[in-house]
Amino acid sequence: MTAIKYVYWQDEDMWIGYLEEYPDYWTQGETLEELEENLRDIARELTKR
């Protein structure tokens, strides 16, 4: 499995982030774990073959 690099930060009570390779696709989550899952979902969608 390929490592997914992402940028993230906490803004008040939400975690916000995006994939380094796809900086136009931002997502958020109430927890860091939820944010990571959302980022994995984006990565899967963008790399479908």
PDB file of N, CA and C in Angstrom:
ATOM      1  N   MET A   1       0.835  -1.175   0.000  1.00  0.00           N
ATOM      2  CA  MET A   1       0.000   0.000   0.000  1.00  0.00           C
ATOM      3  C   MET A   1       0.885   1.246   0.000  1.00  0.00           C
ATOM      4  N   THR A   2       0.507   2.232  -0.777  1.00  0.00           N
ATOM      5  CA  THR A   2       1.262   3.458  -0.888  1.00  0.00           C
ATOM      6  C   THR A   2       0.894   4.417   0.246  1.00  0.00           C
ATOM      7  N   ALA A   3       1.885   5.092   0.770  1.00  0.00           N
ATOM      8  CA  ALA A   3       1.637   6.082   1.828  1.00  0.00           C
ATOM      9  C   ALA A   3       0.939   7.297   1.234  1.00  0.00           C
ATOM     10  N   ILE A   4       0.008   7.829   1.977  1.00  0.00           N
ATOM     11  CA  ILE A   4      -0.714   9.024   1.563  1.00  0.00           C
ATOM     12  C   ILE A   4      -0.214  10.176   2.428  1.00  0.00           C
ATOM     13  N   LYS A   5       0.343  11.196   1.783  1.00  0.00           N
ATOM     14  CA  LYS A   5       0.816  12.363   2.527  1.00  0.00           C
ATOM     15  C   LYS A   5      -0.265  13.426   2.496  1.00  0.00           C
ATOM     16  N   TYR A   6      -0.506  14.025   3.645  1.00  0.00           N
ATOM     17  CA  TYR A   6      -1.540  15.048   3.709  1.00  0.00           C
ATOM     18  C   TYR A   6      -1.163  16.147   4.685  1.00  0.00           C
ATOM     19  N   VAL A   7      -1.813  17.260   4.522  1.00  0.00           N
ATOM     20  CA  VAL A   7      -1.640  18.424   5.385  1.00  0.00           C
ATOM     21  C   VAL A   7      -2.924  18.567   6.180  1.00  0.00           C
ATOM     22  N   TYR A   8      -2.826  18.833   7.470  1.00  0.00           N
ATOM     23  CA  TYR A   8      -4.038  18.970   8.278  1.00  0.00           C
ATOM     24  C   TYR A   8      -3.810  19.941   9.420  1.00  0.00           C
ATOM     25  N   TRP A   9      -4.887  20.471   9.931  1.00  0.00           N
ATOM     26  CA  TRP A   9      -4.856  21.370  11.083  1.00  0.00           C
ATOM     27  C   TRP A   9      -6.211  21.354  11.761  1.00  0.00           C
ATOM     28  N   GLN A  10      -6.227  21.829  12.988  1.00  0.00           N
ATOM     29  CA  GLN A  10      -7.480  21.910  13.737  1.00  0.00           C
ATOM     30  C   GLN A  10      -7.948  23.359  13.741  1.00  0.00           C
ATOM     31  N   ASP A  11      -9.202  23.566  13.392  1.00  0.00           N
ATOM     32  CA  ASP A  11      -9.820  24.887  13.386  1.00  0.00           C
ATOM     33  C   ASP A  11     -11.024  24.820  14.321  1.00  0.00           C
ATOM     34  N   GLU A  12     -10.841  25.349  15.507  1.00  0.00           N
ATOM     35  CA  GLU A  12     -11.828  25.254  16.575  1.00  0.00           C
ATOM     36  C   GLU A  12     -12.129  23.789  16.859  1.00  0.00           C
ATOM     37  N   ASP A  13     -13.338  23.300  16.563  1.00  0.00           N
ATOM     38  CA  ASP A  13     -13.666  21.908  16.905  1.00  0.00           C
ATOM     39  C   ASP A  13     -13.647  20.977  15.701  1.00  0.00           C
ATOM     40  N   MET A  14     -13.117  21.420  14.557  1.00  0.00           N
ATOM     41  CA  MET A  14     -13.053  20.578  13.357  1.00  0.00           C
ATOM     42  C   MET A  14     -11.606  20.399  12.902  1.00  0.00           C
ATOM     43  N   TRP A  15     -11.326  19.232  12.315  1.00  0.00           N
ATOM     44  CA  TRP A  15     -10.039  18.964  11.690  1.00  0.00           C
ATOM     45  C   TRP A  15     -10.220  19.154  10.192  1.00  0.00           C
ATOM     46  N   ILE A  16      -9.319  19.872   9.561  1.00  0.00           N
ATOM     47  CA  ILE A  16      -9.394  20.177   8.132  1.00  0.00           C
ATOM     48  C   ILE A  16      -8.098  19.703   7.485  1.00  0.00           C
ATOM     49  N   GLY A  17      -8.199  19.186   6.271  1.00  0.00           N
ATOM     50  CA  GLY A  17      -6.987  18.732   5.611  1.00  0.00           C
ATOM     51  C   GLY A  17      -7.182  18.486   4.133  1.00  0.00           C
ATOM     52  N   TYR A  18      -6.051  18.238   3.472  1.00  0.00           N
ATOM     53  CA  TYR A  18      -6.059  17.918   2.043  1.00  0.00           C
ATOM     54  C   TYR A  18      -4.861  17.039   1.725  1.00  0.00           C
ATOM     55  N   LEU A  19      -4.951  16.337   0.619  1.00  0.00           N
ATOM     56  CA  LEU A  19      -3.860  15.488   0.168  1.00  0.00           C
ATOM     57  C   LEU A  19      -2.787  16.364  -0.469  1.00  0.00           C
ATOM     58  N   GLU A  20      -1.509  16.113  -0.151  1.00  0.00           N
ATOM     59  CA  GLU A  20      -0.434  16.904  -0.749  1.00  0.00           C
ATOM     60  C   GLU A  20      -0.477  16.846  -2.274  1.00  0.00           C
ATOM     61  N   GLU A  21      -0.789  15.689  -2.810  1.00  0.00           N
ATOM     62  CA  GLU A  21      -0.799  15.498  -4.260  1.00  0.00           C
ATOM     63  C   GLU A  21      -2.018  16.150  -4.928  1.00  0.00           C
ATOM     64  N   TYR A  22      -3.078  16.386  -4.168  1.00  0.00           N
ATOM     65  CA  TYR A  22      -4.315  16.971  -4.693  1.00  0.00           C
ATOM     66  C   TYR A  22      -4.780  18.104  -3.772  1.00  0.00           C
ATOM     67  N   PRO A  23      -4.088  19.233  -3.770  1.00  0.00           N
ATOM     68  CA  PRO A  23      -4.395  20.295  -2.799  1.00  0.00           C
ATOM     69  C   PRO A  23      -5.746  20.983  -3.002  1.00  0.00           C
ATOM     70  N   ASP A  24      -6.409  20.742  -4.119  1.00  0.00           N
ATOM     71  CA  ASP A  24      -7.719  21.360  -4.353  1.00  0.00           C
ATOM     72  C   ASP A  24      -8.858  20.605  -3.681  1.00  0.00           C
ATOM     73  N   TYR A  25      -8.590  19.409  -3.149  1.00  0.00           N
ATOM     74  CA  TYR A  25      -9.630  18.575  -2.559  1.00  0.00           C
ATOM     75  C   TYR A  25      -9.516  18.587  -1.040  1.00  0.00           C
ATOM     76  N   TRP A  26     -10.166  19.544  -0.413  1.00  0.00           N
ATOM     77  CA  TRP A  26     -10.159  19.656   1.040  1.00  0.00           C
ATOM     78  C   TRP A  26     -11.313  18.851   1.624  1.00  0.00           C
ATOM     79  N   THR A  27     -11.121  18.399   2.847  1.00  0.00           N
ATOM     80  CA  THR A  27     -12.183  17.726   3.572  1.00  0.00           C
ATOM     81  C   THR A  27     -12.035  18.039   5.050  1.00  0.00           C
ATOM     82  N   GLN A  28     -12.961  17.583   5.841  1.00  0.00           N
ATOM     83  CA  GLN A  28     -12.919  17.854   7.276  1.00  0.00           C
ATOM     84  C   GLN A  28     -13.499  16.697   8.058  1.00  0.00           C
ATOM     85  N   GLY A  29     -13.287  16.722   9.354  1.00  0.00           N
ATOM     86  CA  GLY A  29     -13.844  15.711  10.240  1.00  0.00           C
ATOM     87  C   GLY A  29     -13.928  16.249  11.649  1.00  0.00           C
ATOM     88  N   GLU A  30     -14.832  15.695  12.427  1.00  0.00           N
ATOM     89  CA  GLU A  30     -14.961  16.108  13.824  1.00  0.00           C
ATOM     90  C   GLU A  30     -13.809  15.584  14.670  1.00  0.00           C
ATOM     91  N   THR A  31     -13.187  14.480  14.209  1.00  0.00           N
ATOM     92  CA  THR A  31     -12.018  13.921  14.892  1.00  0.00           C
ATOM     93  C   THR A  31     -10.913  13.740  13.853  1.00  0.00           C
ATOM     94  N   LEU A  32      -9.695  13.586  14.330  1.00  0.00           N
ATOM     95  CA  LEU A  32      -8.582  13.343  13.420  1.00  0.00           C
ATOM     96  C   LEU A  32      -8.790  12.026  12.669  1.00  0.00           C
ATOM     97  N   GLU A  33      -9.335  11.033  13.332  1.00  0.00           N
ATOM     98  CA  GLU A  33      -9.589   9.739  12.693  1.00  0.00           C
ATOM     99  C   GLU A  33     -10.616   9.885  11.565  1.00  0.00           C
ATOM    100  N   GLU A  34     -11.656  10.678  11.799  1.00  0.00           N
ATOM    101  CA  GLU A  34     -12.669  10.899  10.758  1.00  0.00           C
ATOM    102  C   GLU A  34     -12.058  11.642   9.568  1.00  0.00           C
ATOM    103  N   LEU A  35     -11.222  12.616   9.845  1.00  0.00           N
ATOM    104  CA  LEU A  35     -10.537  13.338   8.769  1.00  0.00           C
ATOM    105  C   LEU A  35      -9.685  12.385   7.950  1.00  0.00           C
ATOM    106  N   GLU A  36      -8.921  11.527   8.613  1.00  0.00           N
ATOM    107  CA  GLU A  36      -8.062  10.575   7.904  1.00  0.00           C
ATOM    108  C   GLU A  36      -8.885   9.643   7.027  1.00  0.00           C
ATOM    109  N   GLU A  37     -10.022   9.176   7.511  1.00  0.00           N
ATOM    110  CA  GLU A  37     -10.885   8.313   6.705  1.00  0.00           C
ATOM    111  C   GLU A  37     -11.414   9.072   5.489  1.00  0.00           C
ATOM    112  N   ASN A  38     -11.819  10.319   5.683  1.00  0.00           N
ATOM    113  CA  ASN A  38     -12.300  11.129   4.555  1.00  0.00           C
ATOM    114  C   ASN A  38     -11.191  11.339   3.516  1.00  0.00           C
ATOM    115  N   LEU A  39      -9.963  11.541   3.983  1.00  0.00           N
ATOM    116  CA  LEU A  39      -8.837  11.703   3.061  1.00  0.00           C
ATOM    117  C   LEU A  39      -8.560  10.408   2.298  1.00  0.00           C
ATOM    118  N   ARG A  40      -8.685   9.266   2.973  1.00  0.00           N
ATOM    119  CA  ARG A  40      -8.508   7.974   2.278  1.00  0.00           C
ATOM    120  C   ARG A  40      -9.587   7.790   1.216  1.00  0.00           C
ATOM    121  N   ASP A  41     -10.827   8.191   1.525  1.00  0.00           N
ATOM    122  CA  ASP A  41     -11.914   8.106   0.550  1.00  0.00           C
ATOM    123  C   ASP A  41     -11.609   8.952  -0.682  1.00  0.00           C
ATOM    124  N   ILE A  42     -11.131  10.159  -0.470  1.00  0.00           N
ATOM    125  CA  ILE A  42     -10.775  11.031  -1.594  1.00  0.00           C
ATOM    126  C   ILE A  42      -9.664  10.395  -2.424  1.00  0.00           C
ATOM    127  N   ALA A  43      -8.655   9.872  -1.762  1.00  0.00           N
ATOM    128  CA  ALA A  43      -7.540   9.242  -2.472  1.00  0.00           C
ATOM    129  C   ALA A  43      -8.033   8.067  -3.311  1.00  0.00           C
ATOM    130  N   ARG A  44      -8.928   7.251  -2.757  1.00  0.00           N
ATOM    131  CA  ARG A  44      -9.472   6.113  -3.519  1.00  0.00           C
ATOM    132  C   ARG A  44     -10.229   6.598  -4.747  1.00  0.00           C
ATOM    133  N   GLU A  45     -11.043   7.631  -4.585  1.00  0.00           N
ATOM    134  CA  GLU A  45     -11.823   8.164  -5.711  1.00  0.00           C
ATOM    135  C   GLU A  45     -10.925   8.740  -6.799  1.00  0.00           C
ATOM    136  N   LEU A  46      -9.896   9.441  -6.400  1.00  0.00           N
ATOM    137  CA  LEU A  46      -9.024  10.101  -7.370  1.00  0.00           C
ATOM    138  C   LEU A  46      -8.078   9.145  -8.071  1.00  0.00           C
ATOM    139  N   THR A  47      -7.839   7.989  -7.495  1.00  0.00           N
ATOM    140  CA  THR A  47      -6.881   7.049  -8.099  1.00  0.00           C
ATOM    141  C   THR A  47      -7.568   5.819  -8.687  1.00  0.00           C
ATOM    142  N   LYS A  48      -8.886   5.858  -8.831  1.00  0.00           N
ATOM    143  CA  LYS A  48      -9.578   4.728  -9.461  1.00  0.00           C
ATOM    144  C   LYS A  48      -9.062   4.538 -10.879  1.00  0.00           C
ATOM    145  N   ARG A  49      -9.019   3.289 -11.292  1.00  0.00           N
ATOM    146  CA  ARG A  49      -8.562   2.979 -12.653  1.00  0.00           C
ATOM    147  C   ARG A  49      -9.656   2.341 -13.431  1.00  0.00           C
TER     148      ARG A  49
END
